[in-house]
PDB file of N, CA and C in Angstrom:
ATOM      1  N   MET A   1     117.073  90.244 109.291  1.00  0.00           N
ATOM      2  CA  MET A   1     118.279  89.561 108.895  1.00  0.00           C
ATOM      3  C   MET A   1     118.007  88.062 108.783  1.00  0.00           C
ATOM      4  N   LEU A   2     117.268  87.522 109.745  1.00  0.00           N
ATOM      5  CA  LEU A   2     116.952  86.097 109.669  1.00  0.00           C
ATOM      6  C   LEU A   2     116.052  85.796 108.480  1.00  0.00           C
ATOM      7  N   SER A   3     115.165  86.702 108.137  1.00  0.00           N
ATOM      8  CA  SER A   3     114.287  86.488 106.980  1.00  0.00           C
ATOM      9  C   SER A   3     115.098  86.396 105.698  1.00  0.00           C
ATOM     10  N   ASP A   4     116.072  87.270 105.552  1.00  0.00           N
ATOM     11  CA  ASP A   4     116.924  87.238 104.361  1.00  0.00           C
ATOM     12  C   ASP A   4     117.688  85.929 104.284  1.00  0.00           C
ATOM     13  N   PHE A   5     118.221  85.485 105.409  1.00  0.00           N
ATOM     14  CA  PHE A   5     118.979  84.239 105.433  1.00  0.00           C
ATOM     15  C   PHE A   5     118.063  83.049 105.163  1.00  0.00           C
ATOM     16  N   ALA A   6     116.847  83.075 105.682  1.00  0.00           N
ATOM     17  CA  ALA A   6     115.902  81.979 105.472  1.00  0.00           C
ATOM     18  C   ALA A   6     115.565  81.824 103.994  1.00  0.00           C
ATOM     19  N   GLY A   7     115.564  82.913 103.266  1.00  0.00           N
ATOM     20  CA  GLY A   7     115.285  82.854 101.832  1.00  0.00           C
ATOM     21  C   GLY A   7     116.309  82.074 101.049  1.00  0.00           C
ATOM     22  N   LEU A   8     117.489  81.902 101.608  1.00  0.00           N
ATOM     23  CA  LEU A   8     118.552  81.168 100.929  1.00  0.00           C
ATOM     24  C   LEU A   8     118.514  79.678 101.213  1.00  0.00           C
ATOM     25  N   LEU A   9     117.685  79.253 102.151  1.00  0.00           N
ATOM     26  CA  LEU A   9     117.667  77.861 102.583  1.00  0.00           C
ATOM     27  C   LEU A   9     116.562  77.068 101.909  1.00  0.00           C
ATOM     28  N   GLU A  10     116.694  75.735 101.981  1.00  0.00           N
ATOM     29  CA  GLU A  10     115.643  74.862 101.473  1.00  0.00           C
ATOM     30  C   GLU A  10     114.485  74.834 102.460  1.00  0.00           C
ATOM     31  N   THR A  11     113.333  74.360 101.990  1.00  0.00           N
ATOM     32  CA  THR A  11     112.077  74.480 102.727  1.00  0.00           C
ATOM     33  C   THR A  11     112.116  74.020 104.181  1.00  0.00           C
ATOM     34  N   PRO A  12     112.556  72.803 104.513  1.00  0.00           N
ATOM     35  CA  PRO A  12     112.466  72.410 105.941  1.00  0.00           C
ATOM     36  C   PRO A  12     113.314  73.308 106.846  1.00  0.00           C
ATOM     37  N   TYR A  13     114.485  73.685 106.370  1.00  0.00           N
ATOM     38  CA  TYR A  13     115.364  74.547 107.167  1.00  0.00           C
ATOM     39  C   TYR A  13     114.826  75.971 107.225  1.00  0.00           C
ATOM     40  N   ARG A  14     114.212  76.388 106.133  1.00  0.00           N
ATOM     41  CA  ARG A  14     113.630  77.732 106.085  1.00  0.00           C
ATOM     42  C   ARG A  14     112.518  77.868 107.122  1.00  0.00           C
ATOM     43  N   ASN A  15     111.657  76.867 107.190  1.00  0.00           N
ATOM     44  CA  ASN A  15     110.557  76.919 108.153  1.00  0.00           C
ATOM     45  C   ASN A  15     111.071  76.935 109.583  1.00  0.00           C
ATOM     46  N   THR A  16     112.115  76.164 109.854  1.00  0.00           N
ATOM     47  CA  THR A  16     112.702  76.153 111.194  1.00  0.00           C
ATOM     48  C   THR A  16     113.262  77.521 111.542  1.00  0.00           C
ATOM     49  N   LEU A  17     113.978  78.117 110.617  1.00  0.00           N
ATOM     50  CA  LEU A  17     114.579  79.424 110.874  1.00  0.00           C
ATOM     51  C   LEU A  17     113.513  80.509 111.042  1.00  0.00           C
ATOM     52  N   LEU A  18     112.442  80.429 110.276  1.00  0.00           N
ATOM     53  CA  LEU A  18     111.366  81.413 110.430  1.00  0.00           C
ATOM     54  C   LEU A  18     110.661  81.245 111.773  1.00  0.00           C
ATOM     55  N   GLY A  19     110.566  80.007 112.263  1.00  0.00           N
ATOM     56  CA  GLY A  19     110.010  79.783 113.596  1.00  0.00           C
ATOM     57  C   GLY A  19     110.882  80.391 114.670  1.00  0.00           C
ATOM     58  N   ILE A  20     112.196  80.226 114.528  1.00  0.00           N
ATOM     59  CA  ILE A  20     113.136  80.830 115.476  1.00  0.00           C
ATOM     60  C   ILE A  20     113.020  82.343 115.433  1.00  0.00           C
ATOM     61  N   GLN A  21     112.849  82.900 114.241  1.00  0.00           N
ATOM     62  CA  GLN A  21     112.696  84.345 114.099  1.00  0.00           C
ATOM     63  C   GLN A  21     111.471  84.839 114.866  1.00  0.00           C
ATOM     64  N   GLN A  22     110.374  84.108 114.786  1.00  0.00           N
ATOM     65  CA  GLN A  22     109.164  84.514 115.499  1.00  0.00           C
ATOM     66  C   GLN A  22     109.372  84.486 117.006  1.00  0.00           C
ATOM     67  N   VAL A  23     110.080  83.474 117.504  1.00  0.00           N
ATOM     68  CA  VAL A  23     110.342  83.385 118.941  1.00  0.00           C
ATOM     69  C   VAL A  23     111.204  84.560 119.392  1.00  0.00           C
ATOM     70  N   VAL A  24     112.197  84.917 118.594  1.00  0.00           N
ATOM     71  CA  VAL A  24     113.060  86.048 118.929  1.00  0.00           C
ATOM     72  C   VAL A  24     112.248  87.343 118.971  1.00  0.00           C
ATOM     73  N   MET A  25     111.372  87.535 117.999  1.00  0.00           N
ATOM     74  CA  MET A  25     110.563  88.755 117.962  1.00  0.00           C
ATOM     75  C   MET A  25     109.604  88.816 119.145  1.00  0.00           C
ATOM     76  N   LEU A  26     109.002  87.686 119.501  1.00  0.00           N
ATOM     77  CA  LEU A  26     108.106  87.670 120.661  1.00  0.00           C
ATOM     78  C   LEU A  26     108.869  87.944 121.950  1.00  0.00           C
ATOM     79  N   GLY A  27     110.093  87.441 122.047  1.00  0.00           N
ATOM     80  CA  GLY A  27     110.921  87.734 123.212  1.00  0.00           C
ATOM     81  C   GLY A  27     111.238  89.214 123.309  1.00  0.00           C
ATOM     82  N   GLU A  28     111.529  89.823 122.180  1.00  0.00           N
ATOM     83  CA  GLU A  28     111.808  91.263 122.167  1.00  0.00           C
ATOM     84  C   GLU A  28     110.591  92.066 122.616  1.00  0.00           C
ATOM     85  N   LEU A  29     109.419  91.682 122.136  1.00  0.00           N
ATOM     86  CA  LEU A  29     108.199  92.372 122.546  1.00  0.00           C
ATOM     87  C   LEU A  29     107.945  92.218 124.043  1.00  0.00           C
ATOM     88  N   ALA A  30     108.188  91.019 124.568  1.00  0.00           N
ATOM     89  CA  ALA A  30     107.976  90.777 125.997  1.00  0.00           C
ATOM     90  C   ALA A  30     108.934  91.610 126.844  1.00  0.00           C
ATOM     91  N   VAL A  31     110.179  91.701 126.432  1.00  0.00           N
ATOM     92  CA  VAL A  31     111.160  92.493 127.184  1.00  0.00           C
ATOM     93  C   VAL A  31     110.790  93.970 127.138  1.00  0.00           C
ATOM     94  N   ASN A  32     110.389  94.454 125.980  1.00  0.00           N
ATOM     95  CA  ASN A  32     109.996  95.867 125.867  1.00  0.00           C
ATOM     96  C   ASN A  32     108.791  96.179 126.745  1.00  0.00           C
ATOM     97  N   ARG A  33     107.830  95.270 126.788  1.00  0.00           N
ATOM     98  CA  ARG A  33     106.656  95.496 127.635  1.00  0.00           C
ATOM     99  C   ARG A  33     107.047  95.490 129.102  1.00  0.00           C
ATOM    100  N   ALA A  34     107.924  94.576 129.490  1.00  0.00           N
ATOM    101  CA  ALA A  34     108.368  94.523 130.885  1.00  0.00           C
ATOM    102  C   ALA A  34     109.104  95.801 131.261  1.00  0.00           C
ATOM    103  N   LEU A  35     109.944  96.291 130.367  1.00  0.00           N
ATOM    104  CA  LEU A  35     110.665  97.538 130.644  1.00  0.00           C
ATOM    105  C   LEU A  35     109.699  98.715 130.756  1.00  0.00           C
ATOM    106  N   ASP A  36     108.680  98.746 129.916  1.00  0.00           N
ATOM    107  CA  ASP A  36     107.688  99.819 130.005  1.00  0.00           C
ATOM    108  C   ASP A  36     106.951  99.778 131.336  1.00  0.00           C
ATOM    109  N   ASN A  37     106.678  98.588 131.846  1.00  0.00           N
ATOM    110  CA  ASN A  37     105.978  98.457 133.117  1.00  0.00           C
ATOM    111  C   ASN A  37     106.861  98.821 134.305  1.00  0.00           C
ATOM    112  N   LEU A  38     108.160  98.595 134.193  1.00  0.00           N
ATOM    113  CA  LEU A  38     109.069  98.904 135.293  1.00  0.00           C
ATOM    114  C   LEU A  38     109.360 100.391 135.392  1.00  0.00           C
ATOM    115  N   GLU A  39     109.623 100.996 134.256  1.00  0.00           N
ATOM    116  CA  GLU A  39     110.005 102.408 134.262  1.00  0.00           C
ATOM    117  C   GLU A  39     109.359 103.097 133.062  1.00  0.00           C
ATOM    118  N   PRO A  40     108.197 103.692 133.268  1.00  0.00           N
ATOM    119  CA  PRO A  40     107.535 104.371 132.152  1.00  0.00           C
ATOM    120  C   PRO A  40     108.422 105.502 131.614  1.00  0.00           C
ATOM    121  N   PRO A  41     108.362 105.747 130.321  1.00  0.00           N
ATOM    122  CA  PRO A  41     109.180 106.839 129.752  1.00  0.00           C
ATOM    123  C   PRO A  41     108.810 108.183 130.341  1.00  0.00           C
ATOM    124  N   THR A  42     109.805 109.004 130.553  1.00  0.00           N
ATOM    125  CA  THR A  42     109.564 110.352 131.102  1.00  0.00           C
ATOM    126  C   THR A  42     109.303 111.315 129.945  1.00  0.00           C
ATOM    127  N   ARG A  43     108.460 112.270 130.205  1.00  0.00           N
ATOM    128  CA  ARG A  43     108.163 113.290 129.178  1.00  0.00           C
ATOM    129  C   ARG A  43     108.832 114.588 129.580  1.00  0.00           C
ATOM    130  N   ASN A  44     109.411 115.220 128.606  1.00  0.00           N
ATOM    131  CA  ASN A  44     110.088 116.508 128.877  1.00  0.00           C
ATOM    132  C   ASN A  44     109.188 117.661 128.577  1.00  0.00           C
TER     133      ASN A  44
END
């Protein structure tokens, strides 16, 4: 969603928004890894 919105902006703002997008994605990856370490998925 942020990528689509960044496409509508001018260059300096686009680069800022894409940087924010990367930080959000890295945060999501970190949270997912932490959750995997706390409680591994159960297999049925």
